Protein backbone atom coordinates (compact mmCIF):
# COMPACT_ATOMS: atom_id res chain seq x y z
CA UNK A 1 34.32 19.52 0.10
CA UNK A 2 34.40 20.49 -4.32
CA UNK A 3 31.04 21.27 -5.36
CA UNK A 4 30.79 18.77 -7.69
CA UNK A 5 31.46 16.12 -4.26
CA UNK A 6 28.87 17.50 -2.49
CA UNK A 7 26.32 17.12 -5.49
CA UNK A 8 26.96 13.50 -5.33
CA UNK A 9 27.23 13.23 -1.14
CA UNK A 10 23.44 15.27 -1.65
CA UNK A 11 22.52 12.35 -4.05
CA UNK A 12 23.38 9.49 -2.24
CA UNK A 13 21.82 11.05 1.06
CA UNK A 14 18.69 11.57 -0.20
CA UNK A 15 18.86 8.35 -2.18
CA UNK A 16 19.24 6.80 1.78
CA UNK A 17 16.17 8.86 3.22
CA UNK A 18 13.66 7.50 0.04
CA UNK A 19 14.84 4.14 0.52
CA UNK A 20 14.16 3.96 4.25
CA UNK A 21 11.32 5.70 3.90
CA UNK A 22 10.47 3.29 1.85
CA UNK A 23 11.27 0.35 4.11
CA UNK A 24 9.27 2.02 6.95
CA UNK A 25 6.78 2.33 5.01
CA UNK A 26 6.83 -1.48 4.08
CA UNK A 27 7.85 -2.09 8.10
CA UNK A 28 4.20 -0.65 8.97
CA UNK A 29 2.37 -2.30 6.21
CA UNK A 30 3.43 -5.45 7.24
CA UNK A 31 2.57 -4.48 10.85
CA UNK A 32 -0.89 -3.75 9.82
CA UNK A 33 -1.08 -7.33 7.91
CA UNK A 34 -0.42 -8.74 10.90
CA UNK A 35 -3.23 -7.49 13.22
CA UNK A 36 -5.93 -9.35 12.37
CA UNK A 37 -8.40 -7.17 13.69
CA UNK A 38 -7.36 -3.82 11.82
CA UNK A 39 -7.30 -5.99 8.99
CA UNK A 40 -10.99 -7.19 9.38
CA UNK A 41 -12.23 -3.59 10.48
CA UNK A 42 -10.63 -2.33 6.66
CA UNK A 43 -11.99 -5.04 5.10
CA UNK A 44 -15.78 -4.09 6.52
CA UNK A 45 -15.51 -0.76 5.10
CA UNK A 46 -14.16 -1.45 1.70
CA UNK A 47 -17.18 -3.65 1.41
CA UNK A 48 -19.28 -1.08 2.96
CA UNK A 49 -20.18 -3.16 6.03
CA UNK A 50 -18.64 -1.18 8.38
CA UNK A 51 -17.20 2.49 9.06
CA UNK A 52 -14.03 3.21 7.14
CA UNK A 53 -10.91 4.93 8.59
CA UNK A 54 -8.90 7.13 7.32
CA UNK A 55 -6.56 3.82 5.54
CA UNK A 56 -10.33 2.39 4.19
CA UNK A 57 -10.88 5.54 2.72
CA UNK A 58 -7.44 5.85 0.79
CA UNK A 59 -7.90 2.53 0.03
CA UNK A 60 -11.06 2.67 -0.91
CA UNK A 61 -10.15 5.07 -3.81
CA UNK A 62 -7.73 3.68 -4.66
CA UNK A 63 -9.26 0.06 -5.48
CA UNK A 64 -10.56 1.24 -8.94
CA UNK A 65 -7.57 2.23 -10.84
CA UNK A 66 -5.04 -1.20 -8.98
CA UNK A 67 -7.99 -3.24 -10.10
CA UNK A 68 -8.87 -1.80 -13.82
CA UNK A 69 -5.98 -0.51 -14.70
CA UNK A 70 -3.25 -2.12 -13.00
CA UNK A 71 -2.53 0.78 -10.44
CA UNK A 72 -1.71 2.74 -13.54
CA UNK A 73 -1.53 5.99 -11.15
CA UNK A 74 0.75 4.61 -9.29
CA UNK A 75 4.92 4.98 -8.65
CA UNK A 76 6.60 1.64 -8.13
CA UNK A 77 6.55 1.55 -4.39
CA UNK A 78 2.58 1.74 -4.74
CA UNK A 79 2.34 -0.59 -6.85
CA UNK A 80 4.53 -3.39 -5.50
CA UNK A 81 2.60 -2.37 -2.37
CA UNK A 82 -0.60 -3.48 -4.34
CA UNK A 83 0.66 -6.34 -5.76
CA UNK A 84 1.78 -7.26 -2.31
CA UNK A 85 -2.01 -6.58 -0.34
CA UNK A 86 -3.49 -8.72 -3.36
CA UNK A 87 -1.48 -11.14 -2.62
CA UNK A 88 -2.36 -11.27 1.18
CA UNK A 89 -6.21 -11.06 0.66
CA UNK A 90 -6.61 -13.96 -2.02
CA UNK A 91 -4.06 -16.54 0.27
CA UNK A 92 -5.70 -15.44 3.63
CA UNK A 93 -9.26 -13.37 2.75
CA UNK A 94 -10.03 -15.13 -0.28
CA UNK A 95 -13.96 -15.35 0.21
CA UNK A 96 -13.93 -11.22 0.93
CA UNK A 97 -11.19 -10.44 -1.67
CA UNK A 98 -13.76 -11.87 -4.18
CA UNK A 99 -16.33 -10.08 -2.32
CA UNK A 100 -14.21 -6.32 -3.11
CA UNK A 101 -13.65 -7.74 -6.72
CA UNK A 102 -17.07 -8.14 -6.86
CA UNK A 103 -18.05 -4.18 -5.68
CA UNK A 104 -15.31 -2.93 -7.42
């Protein structure tokens, strides 16, 4: 295989791995959002009404940027995930979402 052909093969392979990882990550996020107990634990953490696991702690760290700076430090995947999460909260937990917004 020529060097040029190897280079393009490597680029395609890297792109496929990146897409696969993002698809897997989005699938994991979707699964978590379908788990009502998990979502309610995260809400309890974020609203300072319960203990936080590493995911809750990460959400707390990222919320100010997401809410006040349009997720300016996010990569495109993170920005899309944040938008999906906000939409999920608005549709499924509107009162809790209002409380979260008032805190952060």
